[in-house]
Each structure stands twice: as C-alpha cells, then as structure tokens.
Amino acid sequence: MKRFFSCPRWIVALAFGLLLAGAVQAQGNLEIDTPAIAALRQSMQQRHARLEPLYTSGAVGFAADGTVALRDASAVALAQRAQVSSLIAAENADRAALYREIARGNGRPEWEADVRRTFAQRWIERARPGWWVQQGGDWVRK
C-alpha cells in the first residue's frame, strides 16, 4: 500500500479526479429556482400561447443564439407585425434575463454566455416538428 501512495501515478490519478470533479461542478444547475427565475419562466410560459401559432406558421423560429427571431415577416399580416415584434422583443428580454439569473443563481455570473449556448441548444432540440430552427446560420424546418 505504501508503494501506491508514493507512486507518481497516484498523483496523476488524484489530479485527474479533481479535474473531473471540477468539470462536473462547472456545469452548474440549469434547473435552479429563485423567485426571479420563477417569475421569468411564468412570464415566458404565458407568452408561449401567443408565440406558438407563430412558430407553427413559420413566421418565428428559434435562433442559434438562444433568442427567437422573425424568420418570415410575410407570414404575419402587416397590421400585426408591430405586435409580433413587441412579442418577440419581450420574449428575448426574458430569455436574456433568464440566462443571466441562472448564472447568478449558480454564483457564477461569468457563465451567462455558457448558459445561453446550452439553452439555445435545448430550445432547438425541443422544437416541435415543423417549427423552424437556425442551424449553422441557416433556417431549417425541424
């Protein structure tokens, strides 16, 4: 047993274990719940009922940067475009605040960009068939 502790491999194994533990810890808790996060999720959930028909029509899609974007303005009646733009702006403001609050809730505000990237992937993965998502800069129908 003494040889194991004096062996340089033990040091390498310990260092690797600590590095691996740090990587797991660095992932953070994306499901963290604070009052601010709960309020943002509720706001987004309420807005979803108005966005869903826009996703279905292809007017709005999930952008690769974790936002929603007006993909096809011609799918929205001219009289409704200002309302849709406001809806998209409100959704994107809540998404940005959500990413920021999740990073802060983990005690790591510097993780905001990582949280955004992770959620961008999640939104795209969870988009329903027929909805539009941005991949590699191009819009594709899921």
C-alpha atoms as a PDB file:
ATOM      1  CA  MET A   1       0.000   0.000   0.000  1.00  0.00           C
ATOM      2  CA  LYS A   2       2.879   2.339   0.729  1.00  0.00           C
ATOM      3  CA  ARG A   3       4.111   1.976  -2.863  1.00  0.00           C
ATOM      4  CA  PHE A   4       0.727   3.159  -4.199  1.00  0.00           C
ATOM      5  CA  PHE A   5       0.904   6.430  -2.306  1.00  0.00           C
ATOM      6  CA  SER A   6       4.494   7.065  -3.288  1.00  0.00           C
ATOM      7  CA  CYS A   7       3.795   6.275  -6.940  1.00  0.00           C
ATOM      8  CA  PRO A   8       3.590   9.259  -9.319  1.00  0.00           C
ATOM      9  CA  ARG A   9       0.570   7.605 -10.956  1.00  0.00           C
ATOM     10  CA  TRP A  10      -1.352   8.194  -7.758  1.00  0.00           C
ATOM     11  CA  ILE A  11      -0.706  11.905  -8.066  1.00  0.00           C
ATOM     12  CA  VAL A  12      -1.806  11.886 -11.697  1.00  0.00           C
ATOM     13  CA  ALA A  13      -4.945   9.929 -10.788  1.00  0.00           C
ATOM     14  CA  LEU A  14      -5.761  12.360  -7.978  1.00  0.00           C
ATOM     15  CA  ALA A  15      -5.206  15.367 -10.225  1.00  0.00           C
ATOM     16  CA  PHE A  16      -7.391  13.824 -12.936  1.00  0.00           C
ATOM     17  CA  GLY A  17     -10.100  13.084 -10.365  1.00  0.00           C
ATOM     18  CA  LEU A  18     -10.042  16.664  -9.102  1.00  0.00           C
ATOM     19  CA  LEU A  19     -10.133  17.987 -12.657  1.00  0.00           C
ATOM     20  CA  LEU A  20     -13.093  15.740 -13.469  1.00  0.00           C
ATOM     21  CA  ALA A  21     -14.892  16.832 -10.298  1.00  0.00           C
ATOM     22  CA  GLY A  22     -14.284  20.468 -11.273  1.00  0.00           C
ATOM     23  CA  ALA A  23     -15.739  19.868 -14.721  1.00  0.00           C
ATOM     24  CA  VAL A  24     -18.883  18.348 -13.243  1.00  0.00           C
ATOM     25  CA  GLN A  25     -19.188  21.227 -10.801  1.00  0.00           C
ATOM     26  CA  ALA A  26     -18.619  23.748 -13.611  1.00  0.00           C
ATOM     27  CA  GLN A  27     -21.743  22.545 -15.396  1.00  0.00           C
ATOM     28  CA  GLY A  28     -23.840  24.194 -12.733  1.00  0.00           C
ATOM     29  CA  ASN A  29     -27.513  23.752 -12.040  1.00  0.00           C
ATOM     30  CA  LEU A  30     -29.620  24.768 -15.029  1.00  0.00           C
ATOM     31  CA  GLU A  31     -32.788  23.868 -13.120  1.00  0.00           C
ATOM     32  CA  ILE A  32     -32.042  26.276 -10.273  1.00  0.00           C
ATOM     33  CA  ASP A  33     -35.130  28.054  -9.000  1.00  0.00           C
ATOM     34  CA  THR A  34     -35.102  31.502  -7.470  1.00  0.00           C
ATOM     35  CA  PRO A  35     -38.011  33.943  -7.243  1.00  0.00           C
ATOM     36  CA  ALA A  36     -36.602  35.910 -10.208  1.00  0.00           C
ATOM     37  CA  ILE A  37     -36.209  32.763 -12.323  1.00  0.00           C
ATOM     38  CA  ALA A  38     -39.708  31.558 -11.399  1.00  0.00           C
ATOM     39  CA  ALA A  39     -41.184  34.914 -12.454  1.00  0.00           C
ATOM     40  CA  LEU A  40     -39.318  34.820 -15.773  1.00  0.00           C
ATOM     41  CA  ARG A  41     -40.425  31.253 -16.505  1.00  0.00           C
ATOM     42  CA  GLN A  42     -44.036  32.148 -15.713  1.00  0.00           C
ATOM     43  CA  SER A  43     -43.892  35.182 -17.985  1.00  0.00           C
ATOM     44  CA  MET A  44     -42.403  33.094 -20.795  1.00  0.00           C
ATOM     45  CA  GLN A  45     -44.951  30.333 -20.297  1.00  0.00           C
ATOM     46  CA  GLN A  46     -47.832  32.804 -20.543  1.00  0.00           C
ATOM     47  CA  ARG A  47     -46.356  34.343 -23.698  1.00  0.00           C
ATOM     48  CA  HIS A  48     -45.853  30.937 -25.299  1.00  0.00           C
ATOM     49  CA  ALA A  49     -49.569  30.638 -26.049  1.00  0.00           C
ATOM     50  CA  ARG A  50     -49.261  33.698 -28.308  1.00  0.00           C
ATOM     51  CA  LEU A  51     -45.950  32.600 -29.843  1.00  0.00           C
ATOM     52  CA  GLU A  52     -46.983  29.018 -30.604  1.00  0.00           C
ATOM     53  CA  PRO A  53     -49.091  29.892 -33.679  1.00  0.00           C
ATOM     54  CA  LEU A  54     -46.174  31.979 -34.971  1.00  0.00           C
ATOM     55  CA  TYR A  55     -43.807  29.011 -34.578  1.00  0.00           C
ATOM     56  CA  THR A  56     -46.323  26.776 -36.340  1.00  0.00           C
ATOM     57  CA  SER A  57     -46.782  29.195 -39.252  1.00  0.00           C
ATOM     58  CA  GLY A  58     -43.019  29.550 -39.668  1.00  0.00           C
ATOM     59  CA  ALA A  59     -43.109  33.292 -39.055  1.00  0.00           C
ATOM     60  CA  VAL A  60     -40.956  32.931 -35.943  1.00  0.00           C
ATOM     61  CA  GLY A  61     -38.177  30.459 -35.263  1.00  0.00           C
ATOM     62  CA  PHE A  62     -35.585  29.521 -32.686  1.00  0.00           C
ATOM     63  CA  ALA A  63     -32.321  31.311 -33.443  1.00  0.00           C
ATOM     64  CA  ALA A  64     -28.964  29.682 -32.776  1.00  0.00           C
ATOM     65  CA  ASP A  65     -28.069  32.374 -30.220  1.00  0.00           C
ATOM     66  CA  GLY A  66     -30.840  31.429 -27.774  1.00  0.00           C
ATOM     67  CA  THR A  67     -33.360  34.007 -28.945  1.00  0.00           C
ATOM     68  CA  VAL A  68     -36.477  33.829 -31.073  1.00  0.00           C
ATOM     69  CA  ALA A  69     -36.463  35.686 -34.364  1.00  0.00           C
ATOM     70  CA  LEU A  70     -38.883  36.830 -37.012  1.00  0.00           C
ATOM     71  CA  ARG A  71     -37.984  34.373 -39.741  1.00  0.00           C
ATOM     72  CA  ASP A  72     -40.658  35.148 -42.325  1.00  0.00           C
ATOM     73  CA  ALA A  73     -42.365  38.528 -41.997  1.00  0.00           C
ATOM     74  CA  SER A  74     -44.652  37.708 -44.922  1.00  0.00           C
ATOM     75  CA  ALA A  75     -46.311  35.046 -42.738  1.00  0.00           C
ATOM     76  CA  VAL A  76     -47.589  37.839 -40.476  1.00  0.00           C
ATOM     77  CA  ALA A  77     -50.294  40.248 -41.581  1.00  0.00           C
ATOM     78  CA  LEU A  78     -48.943  43.770 -41.960  1.00  0.00           C
ATOM     79  CA  ALA A  79     -51.358  45.056 -39.302  1.00  0.00           C
ATOM     80  CA  GLN A  80     -49.953  42.537 -36.775  1.00  0.00           C
ATOM     81  CA  ARG A  81     -46.228  42.961 -37.413  1.00  0.00           C
ATOM     82  CA  ALA A  82     -45.681  45.620 -34.747  1.00  0.00           C
ATOM     83  CA  GLN A  83     -47.486  43.459 -32.185  1.00  0.00           C
ATOM     84  CA  VAL A  84     -45.408  40.411 -33.187  1.00  0.00           C
ATOM     85  CA  SER A  85     -42.198  42.454 -32.965  1.00  0.00           C
ATOM     86  CA  SER A  86     -43.146  43.534 -29.429  1.00  0.00           C
ATOM     87  CA  LEU A  87     -43.936  39.943 -28.514  1.00  0.00           C
ATOM     88  CA  ILE A  88     -40.541  38.781 -29.806  1.00  0.00           C
ATOM     89  CA  ALA A  89     -38.731  41.624 -28.008  1.00  0.00           C
ATOM     90  CA  ALA A  90     -40.437  40.738 -24.713  1.00  0.00           C
ATOM     91  CA  GLU A  91     -39.580  37.057 -25.147  1.00  0.00           C
ATOM     92  CA  ASN A  92     -35.943  37.820 -25.917  1.00  0.00           C
ATOM     93  CA  ALA A  93     -35.669  40.192 -22.960  1.00  0.00           C
ATOM     94  CA  ASP A  94     -36.979  37.460 -20.655  1.00  0.00           C
ATOM     95  CA  ARG A  95     -34.638  34.897 -22.200  1.00  0.00           C
ATOM     96  CA  ALA A  96     -31.627  37.164 -21.668  1.00  0.00           C
ATOM     97  CA  ALA A  97     -32.706  37.795 -18.076  1.00  0.00           C
ATOM     98  CA  LEU A  98     -33.236  34.042 -17.544  1.00  0.00           C
ATOM     99  CA  TYR A  99     -29.713  33.218 -18.730  1.00  0.00           C
ATOM    100  CA  ARG A 100     -28.278  35.947 -16.507  1.00  0.00           C
ATOM    101  CA  GLU A 101     -30.296  34.844 -13.452  1.00  0.00           C
ATOM    102  CA  ILE A 102     -29.366  31.170 -13.841  1.00  0.00           C
ATOM    103  CA  ALA A 103     -25.684  32.105 -13.993  1.00  0.00           C
ATOM    104  CA  ARG A 104     -26.078  34.371 -10.944  1.00  0.00           C
ATOM    105  CA  GLY A 105     -28.114  31.744  -9.116  1.00  0.00           C
ATOM    106  CA  ASN A 106     -25.163  29.392  -9.501  1.00  0.00           C
ATOM    107  CA  GLY A 107     -22.891  32.071  -8.076  1.00  0.00           C
ATOM    108  CA  ARG A 108     -21.121  32.327 -11.459  1.00  0.00           C
ATOM    109  CA  PRO A 109     -22.264  35.405 -13.411  1.00  0.00           C
ATOM    110  CA  GLU A 110     -19.390  34.785 -15.841  1.00  0.00           C
ATOM    111  CA  TRP A 111     -21.228  31.644 -17.020  1.00  0.00           C
ATOM    112  CA  GLU A 112     -24.008  33.659 -18.678  1.00  0.00           C
ATOM    113  CA  ALA A 113     -22.725  33.024 -22.225  1.00  0.00           C
ATOM    114  CA  ASP A 114     -22.384  29.295 -21.490  1.00  0.00           C
ATOM    115  CA  VAL A 115     -25.918  29.146 -20.084  1.00  0.00           C
ATOM    116  CA  ARG A 116     -27.179  30.944 -23.203  1.00  0.00           C
ATOM    117  CA  ARG A 117     -25.440  28.437 -25.509  1.00  0.00           C
ATOM    118  CA  THR A 118     -26.800  25.490 -23.553  1.00  0.00           C
ATOM    119  CA  PHE A 119     -30.339  26.841 -23.643  1.00  0.00           C
ATOM    120  CA  ALA A 120     -30.041  27.679 -27.339  1.00  0.00           C
ATOM    121  CA  GLN A 121     -29.300  24.007 -27.989  1.00  0.00           C
ATOM    122  CA  ARG A 122     -32.167  22.926 -25.734  1.00  0.00           C
ATOM    123  CA  TRP A 123     -34.707  25.200 -27.444  1.00  0.00           C
ATOM    124  CA  ILE A 124     -33.677  23.858 -30.841  1.00  0.00           C
ATOM    125  CA  GLU A 125     -33.702  20.222 -29.708  1.00  0.00           C
ATOM    126  CA  ARG A 126     -37.150  20.587 -28.135  1.00  0.00           C
ATOM    127  CA  ALA A 127     -38.734  22.457 -31.038  1.00  0.00           C
ATOM    128  CA  ARG A 128     -41.722  20.619 -32.431  1.00  0.00           C
ATOM    129  CA  PRO A 129     -41.647  19.009 -35.857  1.00  0.00           C
ATOM    130  CA  GLY A 130     -42.486  21.622 -38.481  1.00  0.00           C
ATOM    131  CA  TRP A 131     -41.081  24.528 -36.454  1.00  0.00           C
ATOM    132  CA  TRP A 132     -38.105  26.455 -37.812  1.00  0.00           C
ATOM    133  CA  VAL A 133     -34.702  26.470 -36.137  1.00  0.00           C
ATOM    134  CA  GLN A 134     -31.423  28.074 -37.043  1.00  0.00           C
ATOM    135  CA  GLN A 135     -28.516  25.711 -37.547  1.00  0.00           C
ATOM    136  CA  GLY A 136     -25.155  26.769 -38.884  1.00  0.00           C
ATOM    137  CA  GLY A 137     -26.607  30.148 -39.813  1.00  0.00           C
ATOM    138  CA  ASP A 138     -29.359  28.631 -41.975  1.00  0.00           C
ATOM    139  CA  TRP A 139     -33.034  28.254 -41.175  1.00  0.00           C
ATOM    140  CA  VAL A 140     -34.247  24.666 -41.372  1.00  0.00           C
ATOM    141  CA  ARG A 141     -37.634  23.148 -40.733  1.00  0.00           C
ATOM    142  CA  LYS A 142     -37.488  20.568 -37.995  1.00  0.00           C
END
